[in-house]
Amino acid sequence: NQYVTKAKVLAQSMFGTAMDMPAGPS
């Protein structure tokens, strides 16, 4: 959902943890 997607984006920008893509909601 939007919370998971936002968390992935923030994880990438804050900690350098890469993500596959913004994926969701569908």
PDB file of all heavy atoms in Angstrom:
ATOM      1  N   ASN A   1       0.843  -1.195   0.000  1.00  0.00           N
ATOM      2  CA  ASN A   1       0.000   0.000   0.000  1.00  0.00           C
ATOM      3  C   ASN A   1       0.879   1.247   0.000  1.00  0.00           C
ATOM      4  O   ASN A   1       2.097   1.172  -0.133  1.00  0.00           O
ATOM      5  CB  ASN A   1      -0.964  -0.022   1.197  1.00  0.00           C
ATOM      6  CG  ASN A   1      -0.234  -0.076   2.534  1.00  0.00           C
ATOM      7  OD1 ASN A   1       0.938   0.289   2.650  1.00  0.00           O
ATOM      8  ND2 ASN A   1      -0.926  -0.538   3.559  1.00  0.00           N
ATOM      9  N   GLN A   2       0.253   2.405   0.169  1.00  0.00           N
ATOM     10  CA  GLN A   2       1.007   3.653   0.119  1.00  0.00           C
ATOM     11  C   GLN A   2       2.049   3.754   1.234  1.00  0.00           C
ATOM     12  O   GLN A   2       3.091   4.383   1.062  1.00  0.00           O
ATOM     13  CB  GLN A   2       0.051   4.846   0.184  1.00  0.00           C
ATOM     14  CG  GLN A   2      -0.715   5.070  -1.125  1.00  0.00           C
ATOM     15  CD  GLN A   2      -1.660   6.253  -1.035  1.00  0.00           C
ATOM     16  OE1 GLN A   2      -2.777   6.129  -0.559  1.00  0.00           O
ATOM     17  NE2 GLN A   2      -1.218   7.397  -1.501  1.00  0.00           N
ATOM     18  N   TYR A   3       1.777   3.133   2.369  1.00  0.00           N
ATOM     19  CA  TYR A   3       2.721   3.185   3.491  1.00  0.00           C
ATOM     20  C   TYR A   3       3.965   2.352   3.181  1.00  0.00           C
ATOM     21  O   TYR A   3       5.100   2.772   3.465  1.00  0.00           O
ATOM     22  CB  TYR A   3       2.046   2.681   4.778  1.00  0.00           C
ATOM     23  CG  TYR A   3       1.032   3.660   5.324  1.00  0.00           C
ATOM     24  CD1 TYR A   3      -0.282   3.658   4.860  1.00  0.00           C
ATOM     25  CD2 TYR A   3       1.402   4.603   6.285  1.00  0.00           C
ATOM     26  CE1 TYR A   3      -1.209   4.570   5.335  1.00  0.00           C
ATOM     27  CE2 TYR A   3       0.476   5.519   6.780  1.00  0.00           C
ATOM     28  CZ  TYR A   3      -0.828   5.499   6.294  1.00  0.00           C
ATOM     29  OH  TYR A   3      -1.743   6.411   6.759  1.00  0.00           O
ATOM     30  N   VAL A   4       3.756   1.182   2.604  1.00  0.00           N
ATOM     31  CA  VAL A   4       4.883   0.328   2.232  1.00  0.00           C
ATOM     32  C   VAL A   4       5.729   1.010   1.155  1.00  0.00           C
ATOM     33  O   VAL A   4       6.966   1.050   1.239  1.00  0.00           O
ATOM     34  CB  VAL A   4       4.386  -1.047   1.747  1.00  0.00           C
ATOM     35  CG1 VAL A   4       5.529  -1.854   1.133  1.00  0.00           C
ATOM     36  CG2 VAL A   4       3.754  -1.820   2.892  1.00  0.00           C
ATOM     37  N   THR A   5       5.058   1.546   0.144  1.00  0.00           N
ATOM     38  CA  THR A   5       5.772   2.216  -0.938  1.00  0.00           C
ATOM     39  C   THR A   5       6.558   3.415  -0.424  1.00  0.00           C
ATOM     40  O   THR A   5       7.719   3.621  -0.789  1.00  0.00           O
ATOM     41  CB  THR A   5       4.786   2.655  -2.041  1.00  0.00           C
ATOM     42  OG1 THR A   5       4.129   1.496  -2.559  1.00  0.00           O
ATOM     43  CG2 THR A   5       5.500   3.374  -3.165  1.00  0.00           C
ATOM     44  N   LYS A   6       5.939   4.209   0.437  1.00  0.00           N
ATOM     45  CA  LYS A   6       6.633   5.368   1.005  1.00  0.00           C
ATOM     46  C   LYS A   6       7.821   4.931   1.853  1.00  0.00           C
ATOM     47  O   LYS A   6       8.887   5.559   1.823  1.00  0.00           O
ATOM     48  CB  LYS A   6       5.660   6.201   1.852  1.00  0.00           C
ATOM     49  CG  LYS A   6       6.268   7.446   2.485  1.00  0.00           C
ATOM     50  CD  LYS A   6       6.731   8.441   1.442  1.00  0.00           C
ATOM     51  CE  LYS A   6       5.569   9.111   0.738  1.00  0.00           C
ATOM     52  NZ  LYS A   6       6.034  10.176  -0.185  1.00  0.00           N
ATOM     53  N   ALA A   7       7.662   3.829   2.585  1.00  0.00           N
ATOM     54  CA  ALA A   7       8.762   3.324   3.415  1.00  0.00           C
ATOM     55  C   ALA A   7       9.947   2.902   2.554  1.00  0.00           C
ATOM     56  O   ALA A   7      11.109   3.140   2.910  1.00  0.00           O
ATOM     57  CB  ALA A   7       8.287   2.155   4.267  1.00  0.00           C
ATOM     58  N   LYS A   8       9.681   2.283   1.408  1.00  0.00           N
ATOM     59  CA  LYS A   8      10.760   1.878   0.504  1.00  0.00           C
ATOM     60  C   LYS A   8      11.497   3.101  -0.039  1.00  0.00           C
ATOM     61  O   LYS A   8      12.728   3.119  -0.114  1.00  0.00           O
ATOM     62  CB  LYS A   8      10.188   1.039  -0.644  1.00  0.00           C
ATOM     63  CG  LYS A   8       9.802  -0.373  -0.237  1.00  0.00           C
ATOM     64  CD  LYS A   8       8.894  -1.041  -1.258  1.00  0.00           C
ATOM     65  CE  LYS A   8       9.524  -1.215  -2.599  1.00  0.00           C
ATOM     66  NZ  LYS A   8       8.611  -1.852  -3.574  1.00  0.00           N
ATOM     67  N   VAL A   9      10.731   4.118  -0.409  1.00  0.00           N
ATOM     68  CA  VAL A   9      11.341   5.347  -0.933  1.00  0.00           C
ATOM     69  C   VAL A   9      12.207   6.003   0.139  1.00  0.00           C
ATOM     70  O   VAL A   9      13.342   6.430  -0.131  1.00  0.00           O
ATOM     71  CB  VAL A   9      10.247   6.316  -1.427  1.00  0.00           C
ATOM     72  CG1 VAL A   9      10.841   7.680  -1.771  1.00  0.00           C
ATOM     73  CG2 VAL A   9       9.519   5.737  -2.641  1.00  0.00           C
ATOM     74  N   LEU A  10      11.701   6.076   1.362  1.00  0.00           N
ATOM     75  CA  LEU A  10      12.463   6.702   2.451  1.00  0.00           C
ATOM     76  C   LEU A  10      13.678   5.862   2.841  1.00  0.00           C
ATOM     77  O   LEU A  10      14.740   6.409   3.164  1.00  0.00           O
ATOM     78  CB  LEU A  10      11.558   6.915   3.663  1.00  0.00           C
ATOM     79  CG  LEU A  10      10.489   8.004   3.514  1.00  0.00           C
ATOM     80  CD1 LEU A  10       9.547   8.009   4.716  1.00  0.00           C
ATOM     81  CD2 LEU A  10      11.135   9.378   3.357  1.00  0.00           C
ATOM     82  N   ALA A  11      13.539   4.545   2.805  1.00  0.00           N
ATOM     83  CA  ALA A  11      14.667   3.678   3.135  1.00  0.00           C
ATOM     84  C   ALA A  11      15.815   3.903   2.158  1.00  0.00           C
ATOM     85  O   ALA A  11      16.992   3.886   2.541  1.00  0.00           O
ATOM     86  CB  ALA A  11      14.237   2.211   3.110  1.00  0.00           C
ATOM     87  N   GLN A  12      15.450   4.131   0.911  1.00  0.00           N
ATOM     88  CA  GLN A  12      16.475   4.375  -0.105  1.00  0.00           C
ATOM     89  C   GLN A  12      17.159   5.723   0.109  1.00  0.00           C
ATOM     90  O   GLN A  12      18.390   5.836   0.031  1.00  0.00           O
ATOM     91  CB  GLN A  12      15.852   4.312  -1.490  1.00  0.00           C
ATOM     92  CG  GLN A  12      16.857   4.489  -2.622  1.00  0.00           C
ATOM     93  CD  GLN A  12      16.303   4.065  -3.964  1.00  0.00           C
ATOM     94  OE1 GLN A  12      16.416   2.924  -4.361  1.00  0.00           O
ATOM     95  NE2 GLN A  12      15.684   5.003  -4.675  1.00  0.00           N
ATOM     96  N   SER A  13      16.357   6.743   0.396  1.00  0.00           N
ATOM     97  CA  SER A  13      16.931   8.086   0.537  1.00  0.00           C
ATOM     98  C   SER A  13      17.642   8.282   1.871  1.00  0.00           C
ATOM     99  O   SER A  13      18.647   8.998   1.950  1.00  0.00           O
ATOM    100  CB  SER A  13      15.835   9.150   0.377  1.00  0.00           C
ATOM    101  OG  SER A  13      14.858   9.036   1.398  1.00  0.00           O
ATOM    102  N   MET A  14      17.155   7.633   2.932  1.00  0.00           N
ATOM    103  CA  MET A  14      17.711   7.848   4.265  1.00  0.00           C
ATOM    104  C   MET A  14      18.887   6.915   4.591  1.00  0.00           C
ATOM    105  O   MET A  14      19.840   7.315   5.258  1.00  0.00           O
ATOM    106  CB  MET A  14      16.618   7.668   5.324  1.00  0.00           C
ATOM    107  CG  MET A  14      15.517   8.724   5.270  1.00  0.00           C
ATOM    108  SD  MET A  14      14.090   8.327   6.333  1.00  0.00           S
ATOM    109  CE  MET A  14      14.799   8.515   7.970  1.00  0.00           C
ATOM    110  N   PHE A  15      18.812   5.678   4.113  1.00  0.00           N
ATOM    111  CA  PHE A  15      19.808   4.685   4.520  1.00  0.00           C
ATOM    112  C   PHE A  15      20.569   4.067   3.354  1.00  0.00           C
ATOM    113  O   PHE A  15      21.445   3.227   3.557  1.00  0.00           O
ATOM    114  CB  PHE A  15      19.134   3.562   5.328  1.00  0.00           C
ATOM    115  CG  PHE A  15      18.225   4.054   6.412  1.00  0.00           C
ATOM    116  CD1 PHE A  15      16.866   3.779   6.385  1.00  0.00           C
ATOM    117  CD2 PHE A  15      18.728   4.819   7.459  1.00  0.00           C
ATOM    118  CE1 PHE A  15      16.024   4.246   7.376  1.00  0.00           C
ATOM    119  CE2 PHE A  15      17.891   5.283   8.453  1.00  0.00           C
ATOM    120  CZ  PHE A  15      16.538   5.010   8.418  1.00  0.00           C
ATOM    121  N   GLY A  16      20.210   4.447   2.130  1.00  0.00           N
ATOM    122  CA  GLY A  16      20.901   3.892   0.978  1.00  0.00           C
ATOM    123  C   GLY A  16      20.526   2.460   0.667  1.00  0.00           C
ATOM    124  O   GLY A  16      21.243   1.766  -0.058  1.00  0.00           O
ATOM    125  N   THR A  17      19.402   2.003   1.223  1.00  0.00           N
ATOM    126  CA  THR A  17      18.915   0.652   0.910  1.00  0.00           C
ATOM    127  C   THR A  17      18.130   0.723  -0.389  1.00  0.00           C
ATOM    128  O   THR A  17      17.084   1.361  -0.453  1.00  0.00           O
ATOM    129  CB  THR A  17      18.013   0.121   2.042  1.00  0.00           C
ATOM    130  OG1 THR A  17      18.709   0.224   3.288  1.00  0.00           O
ATOM    131  CG2 THR A  17      17.633  -1.329   1.785  1.00  0.00           C
ATOM    132  N   ALA A  18      18.619   0.065  -1.413  1.00  0.00           N
ATOM    133  CA  ALA A  18      17.978   0.144  -2.720  1.00  0.00           C
ATOM    134  C   ALA A  18      16.596  -0.500  -2.688  1.00  0.00           C
ATOM    135  O   ALA A  18      16.293  -1.327  -1.835  1.00  0.00           O
ATOM    136  CB  ALA A  18      18.851  -0.539  -3.766  1.00  0.00           C
ATOM    137  N   MET A  19      15.757  -0.102  -3.648  1.00  0.00           N
ATOM    138  CA  MET A  19      14.430  -0.720  -3.775  1.00  0.00           C
ATOM    139  C   MET A  19      14.217  -1.125  -5.226  1.00  0.00           C
ATOM    140  O   MET A  19      14.877  -0.634  -6.139  1.00  0.00           O
ATOM    141  CB  MET A  19      13.329   0.252  -3.335  1.00  0.00           C
ATOM    142  CG  MET A  19      13.179   1.469  -4.207  1.00  0.00           C
ATOM    143  SD  MET A  19      11.670   2.393  -3.834  1.00  0.00           S
ATOM    144  CE  MET A  19      11.864   3.799  -4.931  1.00  0.00           C
ATOM    145  N   ASP A  20      13.266  -2.036  -5.425  1.00  0.00           N
ATOM    146  CA  ASP A  20      12.962  -2.463  -6.783  1.00  0.00           C
ATOM    147  C   ASP A  20      12.326  -1.324  -7.575  1.00  0.00           C
ATOM    148  O   ASP A  20      12.776  -0.959  -8.659  1.00  0.00           O
ATOM    149  CB  ASP A  20      12.064  -3.695  -6.782  1.00  0.00           C
ATOM    150  CG  ASP A  20      10.835  -3.565  -5.872  1.00  0.00           C
ATOM    151  OD1 ASP A  20      10.680  -2.536  -5.187  1.00  0.00           O
ATOM    152  OD2 ASP A  20      10.025  -4.507  -5.843  1.00  0.00           O
ATOM    153  N   MET A  21      11.296  -0.695  -7.011  1.00  0.00           N
ATOM    154  CA  MET A  21      10.562   0.399  -7.656  1.00  0.00           C
ATOM    155  C   MET A  21       9.435   0.811  -6.721  1.00  0.00           C
ATOM    156  O   MET A  21       9.089   0.075  -5.805  1.00  0.00           O
ATOM    157  CB  MET A  21       9.953  -0.077  -8.986  1.00  0.00           C
ATOM    158  CG  MET A  21       8.715  -0.948  -8.804  1.00  0.00           C
ATOM    159  SD  MET A  21       8.324  -1.996 -10.172  1.00  0.00           S
ATOM    160  CE  MET A  21       9.449  -3.349  -9.849  1.00  0.00           C
ATOM    161  N   PRO A  22       8.801   1.968  -6.961  1.00  0.00           N
ATOM    162  CA  PRO A  22       7.547   2.264  -6.263  1.00  0.00           C
ATOM    163  C   PRO A  22       6.461   1.337  -6.825  1.00  0.00           C
ATOM    164  O   PRO A  22       6.114   1.426  -7.999  1.00  0.00           O
ATOM    165  CB  PRO A  22       7.279   3.732  -6.613  1.00  0.00           C
ATOM    166  CG  PRO A  22       8.590   4.262  -7.108  1.00  0.00           C
ATOM    167  CD  PRO A  22       9.265   3.104  -7.773  1.00  0.00           C
ATOM    168  N   ALA A  23       5.980   0.412  -5.998  1.00  0.00           N
ATOM    169  CA  ALA A  23       5.044  -0.612  -6.494  1.00  0.00           C
ATOM    170  C   ALA A  23       3.816  -0.694  -5.597  1.00  0.00           C
ATOM    171  O   ALA A  23       3.775  -1.437  -4.629  1.00  0.00           O
ATOM    172  CB  ALA A  23       5.742  -1.971  -6.561  1.00  0.00           C
ATOM    173  N   GLY A  24       2.807   0.083  -5.925  1.00  0.00           N
ATOM    174  CA  GLY A  24       1.558   0.024  -5.196  1.00  0.00           C
ATOM    175  C   GLY A  24       1.106   1.420  -4.774  1.00  0.00           C
ATOM    176  O   GLY A  24       1.925   2.324  -4.673  1.00  0.00           O
ATOM    177  N   PRO A  25      -0.189   1.597  -4.575  1.00  0.00           N
ATOM    178  CA  PRO A  25      -1.295   0.669  -4.820  1.00  0.00           C
ATOM    179  C   PRO A  25      -1.480   0.346  -6.306  1.00  0.00           C
ATOM    180  O   PRO A  25      -0.936   1.015  -7.168  1.00  0.00           O
ATOM    181  CB  PRO A  25      -2.514   1.414  -4.261  1.00  0.00           C
ATOM    182  CG  PRO A  25      -1.954   2.437  -3.334  1.00  0.00           C
ATOM    183  CD  PRO A  25      -0.646   2.819  -3.931  1.00  0.00           C
ATOM    184  N   SER A  26      -2.284  -0.686  -6.553  1.00  0.00           N
ATOM    185  CA  SER A  26      -2.383  -1.261  -7.886  1.00  0.00           C
ATOM    186  C   SER A  26      -3.349  -0.487  -8.795  1.00  0.00           C
ATOM    187  O   SER A  26      -4.230   0.234  -8.328  1.00  0.00           O
ATOM    188  CB  SER A  26      -2.846  -2.716  -7.774  1.00  0.00           C
ATOM    189  OG  SER A  26      -2.594  -3.415  -8.954  1.00  0.00           O
TER     190      SER A  26
END
